[in-house]
């Protein structure tokens, strides 16, 4: 992930509801996401996960039925072997911890240490010169868990750092594709 994008501009406020999930074919298959615009914030499985935990707690029997868990299990099935059930449970606990910490507000320290990073154009389109026809709006490169928590908390804006593809058109990407079964 390091070196894949370069930062442009200063940290600015951006509408949370306009942040989109990063689309990575095979890793985030479109059939897992409901809604007319499956990558839009209100339709994201990250948001559904948090709303579910608020209502039902961290009950694994109920959580494992959610799309969030199905998507992570899908990652395991395609060769991303770190996504075991025990890793997934810990990951979900971290998502919940992020939500709880943001209930107290977004600190300036949080923005400077690890801001939410957005791409104006979807990475898959710039890196591979591919026109999806369905990807719209800024894509989240890093910080979707924080953005989803902010959305569930009803925040209108969140601090973001804009970035762009550091190697457009190169067709080289190690973030996840190198872990997938051929």
Protein backbone atom coordinates (compact mmCIF):
# COMPACT_ATOMS: atom_id res chain seq x y z
CA UNK A 1 0.00 0.00 0.00
CA UNK A 2 2.89 2.32 0.74
CA UNK A 3 4.04 4.08 -2.39
CA UNK A 4 0.90 3.17 -4.35
CA UNK A 5 -0.57 6.68 -3.96
CA UNK A 6 0.82 10.15 -3.48
CA UNK A 7 -0.80 12.80 -1.30
CA UNK A 8 -2.03 16.00 -2.92
CA UNK A 9 -3.20 19.10 -1.08
CA UNK A 10 -3.96 19.70 2.57
CA UNK A 11 -6.28 17.89 4.96
CA UNK A 12 -9.81 19.21 4.35
CA UNK A 13 -13.35 18.46 5.52
CA UNK A 14 -15.43 16.26 3.21
CA UNK A 15 -19.04 14.96 3.36
CA UNK A 16 -18.97 11.48 4.93
CA UNK A 17 -21.94 10.24 2.88
CA UNK A 18 -20.02 10.89 -0.36
CA UNK A 19 -17.15 8.51 0.48
CA UNK A 20 -17.20 5.27 -1.52
CA UNK A 21 -15.79 1.79 -0.93
CA UNK A 22 -12.70 0.91 -2.93
CA UNK A 23 -13.61 -1.56 -5.64
CA UNK A 24 -11.16 -4.38 -6.16
CA UNK A 25 -12.45 -7.02 -8.58
CA UNK A 26 -12.54 -10.51 -7.11
CA UNK A 27 -11.74 -9.21 -3.58
CA UNK A 28 -14.88 -7.06 -3.28
CA UNK A 29 -17.30 -8.68 -5.76
CA UNK A 30 -20.27 -6.52 -6.64
CA UNK A 31 -22.76 -9.35 -5.96
CA UNK A 32 -22.05 -9.05 -2.22
CA UNK A 33 -23.34 -5.47 -2.01
CA UNK A 34 -27.06 -4.61 -2.03
CA UNK A 35 -28.59 -1.44 -3.41
CA UNK A 36 -28.58 0.55 -6.60
CA UNK A 37 -25.19 2.05 -5.78
CA UNK A 38 -23.51 -0.71 -3.78
CA UNK A 39 -20.38 1.27 -2.99
CA UNK A 40 -22.23 4.26 -1.53
CA UNK A 41 -21.82 4.82 2.22
CA UNK A 42 -25.39 4.07 3.30
CA UNK A 43 -25.28 0.70 1.52
CA UNK A 44 -21.89 -0.44 2.81
CA UNK A 45 -21.56 -3.60 4.82
CA UNK A 46 -19.25 -1.65 7.18
CA UNK A 47 -22.23 0.52 8.14
CA UNK A 48 -24.55 -2.49 8.46
CA UNK A 49 -22.01 -4.18 10.73
CA UNK A 50 -21.86 -1.23 13.14
CA UNK A 51 -25.64 -0.79 13.21
CA UNK A 52 -26.00 -4.50 13.93
CA UNK A 53 -23.50 -4.37 16.82
CA UNK A 54 -25.28 -1.33 18.29
CA UNK A 55 -28.54 -3.28 18.28
CA UNK A 56 -27.37 -6.85 19.06
CA UNK A 57 -23.85 -6.62 20.46
CA UNK A 58 -20.84 -8.74 19.45
CA UNK A 59 -22.77 -12.02 19.15
CA UNK A 60 -20.76 -14.13 16.67
CA UNK A 61 -23.74 -16.38 15.83
CA UNK A 62 -25.61 -13.33 14.56
CA UNK A 63 -22.58 -11.50 13.13
CA UNK A 64 -21.53 -14.39 10.89
CA UNK A 65 -24.73 -13.96 8.86
CA UNK A 66 -23.79 -10.41 7.84
CA UNK A 67 -22.37 -9.45 4.42
CA UNK A 68 -19.32 -8.01 6.17
CA UNK A 69 -18.37 -11.47 7.44
CA UNK A 70 -19.30 -13.14 4.13
CA UNK A 71 -17.00 -10.73 2.26
CA UNK A 72 -14.08 -11.45 4.61
CA UNK A 73 -14.69 -15.21 4.33
CA UNK A 74 -14.75 -14.76 0.56
CA UNK A 75 -11.28 -13.22 0.84
CA UNK A 76 -10.08 -16.35 2.66
CA UNK A 77 -11.64 -18.57 -0.02
CA UNK A 78 -9.74 -16.79 -2.80
CA UNK A 79 -6.38 -17.17 -1.09
CA UNK A 80 -6.08 -14.32 1.43
CA UNK A 81 -5.40 -16.78 4.22
CA UNK A 82 -5.01 -14.21 7.00
CA UNK A 83 -8.81 -13.90 7.08
CA UNK A 84 -9.44 -16.79 9.48
CA UNK A 85 -12.51 -16.66 11.73
CA UNK A 86 -10.37 -15.76 14.75
CA UNK A 87 -8.70 -12.92 12.81
CA UNK A 88 -12.10 -11.78 11.57
CA UNK A 89 -13.52 -11.68 15.12
CA UNK A 90 -10.60 -9.53 16.28
CA UNK A 91 -11.00 -7.30 13.23
CA UNK A 92 -14.69 -6.75 14.03
CA UNK A 93 -13.78 -5.88 17.62
CA UNK A 94 -11.37 -3.23 16.26
CA UNK A 95 -14.16 -1.82 14.06
CA UNK A 96 -16.31 -1.54 17.18
CA UNK A 97 -13.47 0.05 19.15
CA UNK A 98 -13.06 2.65 16.39
CA UNK A 99 -16.77 3.46 16.55
CA UNK A 100 -16.67 3.83 20.35
CA UNK A 101 -13.61 6.09 20.22
CA UNK A 102 -15.22 8.36 17.60
CA UNK A 103 -18.25 8.84 19.86
CA UNK A 104 -16.00 11.28 21.71
CA UNK A 105 -15.22 13.22 18.51
CA UNK A 106 -12.47 13.35 15.93
CA UNK A 107 -9.23 14.56 17.44
CA UNK A 108 -6.69 16.66 15.54
CA UNK A 109 -4.07 14.12 16.57
CA UNK A 110 -6.07 11.37 14.83
CA UNK A 111 -6.14 13.35 11.56
CA UNK A 112 -2.41 14.04 11.55
CA UNK A 113 -1.34 10.54 12.51
CA UNK A 114 -3.63 8.66 10.14
CA UNK A 115 -6.09 10.75 8.12
CA UNK A 116 -8.79 9.21 5.97
CA UNK A 117 -7.29 9.08 2.47
CA UNK A 118 -9.50 9.56 -0.60
CA UNK A 119 -8.85 9.16 -4.30
CA UNK A 120 -10.79 11.43 -6.67
CA UNK A 121 -10.77 8.69 -9.31
CA UNK A 122 -11.14 4.98 -8.50
CA UNK A 123 -7.79 3.23 -8.25
CA UNK A 124 -8.82 0.32 -10.47
CA UNK A 125 -9.63 2.83 -13.23
CA UNK A 126 -6.41 4.87 -13.01
CA UNK A 127 -4.03 1.95 -12.49
CA UNK A 128 -5.54 -0.30 -15.17
CA UNK A 129 -7.07 2.29 -17.54
CA UNK A 130 -10.41 0.57 -16.95
CA UNK A 131 -13.78 2.32 -17.20
CA UNK A 132 -16.24 0.59 -14.89
CA UNK A 133 -19.33 2.60 -15.72
CA UNK A 134 -20.60 2.04 -12.17
CA UNK A 135 -17.93 3.55 -9.92
CA UNK A 136 -18.87 7.09 -8.98
CA UNK A 137 -17.50 9.56 -6.48
CA UNK A 138 -14.37 9.61 -4.35
CA UNK A 139 -13.00 6.24 -3.36
CA UNK A 140 -11.61 5.52 0.10
CA UNK A 141 -8.00 4.38 -0.08
CA UNK A 142 -7.56 4.22 3.69
CA UNK A 143 -9.94 4.87 6.58
CA UNK A 144 -13.23 3.27 5.58
CA UNK A 145 -13.75 1.94 9.11
CA UNK A 146 -13.40 5.45 10.55
CA UNK A 147 -15.58 6.92 7.81
CA UNK A 148 -18.28 4.29 8.39
CA UNK A 149 -18.23 4.92 12.14
CA UNK A 150 -18.57 8.67 11.53
CA UNK A 151 -21.51 8.03 9.18
CA UNK A 152 -23.30 5.82 11.72
CA UNK A 153 -22.71 8.50 14.37
CA UNK A 154 -24.48 10.99 12.10
CA UNK A 155 -21.49 13.16 11.25
CA UNK A 156 -21.86 15.32 8.18
CA UNK A 157 -18.14 15.82 7.45
CA UNK A 158 -14.83 14.18 8.23
CA UNK A 159 -11.21 15.34 7.73
CA UNK A 160 -9.64 13.75 4.65
CA UNK A 161 -6.35 13.80 2.78
CA UNK A 162 -6.65 13.68 -1.00
CA UNK A 163 -4.35 11.36 -2.91
CA UNK A 164 -3.86 10.14 -6.45
CA UNK A 165 -2.45 7.04 -8.05
CA UNK A 166 1.36 7.22 -7.93
CA UNK A 167 1.70 4.90 -10.96
CA UNK A 168 -1.29 5.44 -13.27
CA UNK A 169 -1.51 3.02 -16.16
CA UNK A 170 1.29 0.78 -14.81
CA UNK A 171 -1.02 -2.22 -14.23
CA UNK A 172 1.12 -3.17 -11.20
CA UNK A 173 -0.53 -3.51 -7.78
CA UNK A 174 0.47 -5.53 -4.74
CA UNK A 175 -2.15 -4.51 -2.16
CA UNK A 176 -4.27 -7.60 -2.59
CA UNK A 177 -3.91 -9.14 -6.00
CA UNK A 178 -0.66 -10.89 -5.13
CA UNK A 179 -2.47 -12.88 -2.41
CA UNK A 180 -5.24 -14.23 -4.63
CA UNK A 181 -5.19 -17.76 -5.98
CA UNK A 182 -4.39 -17.69 -9.67
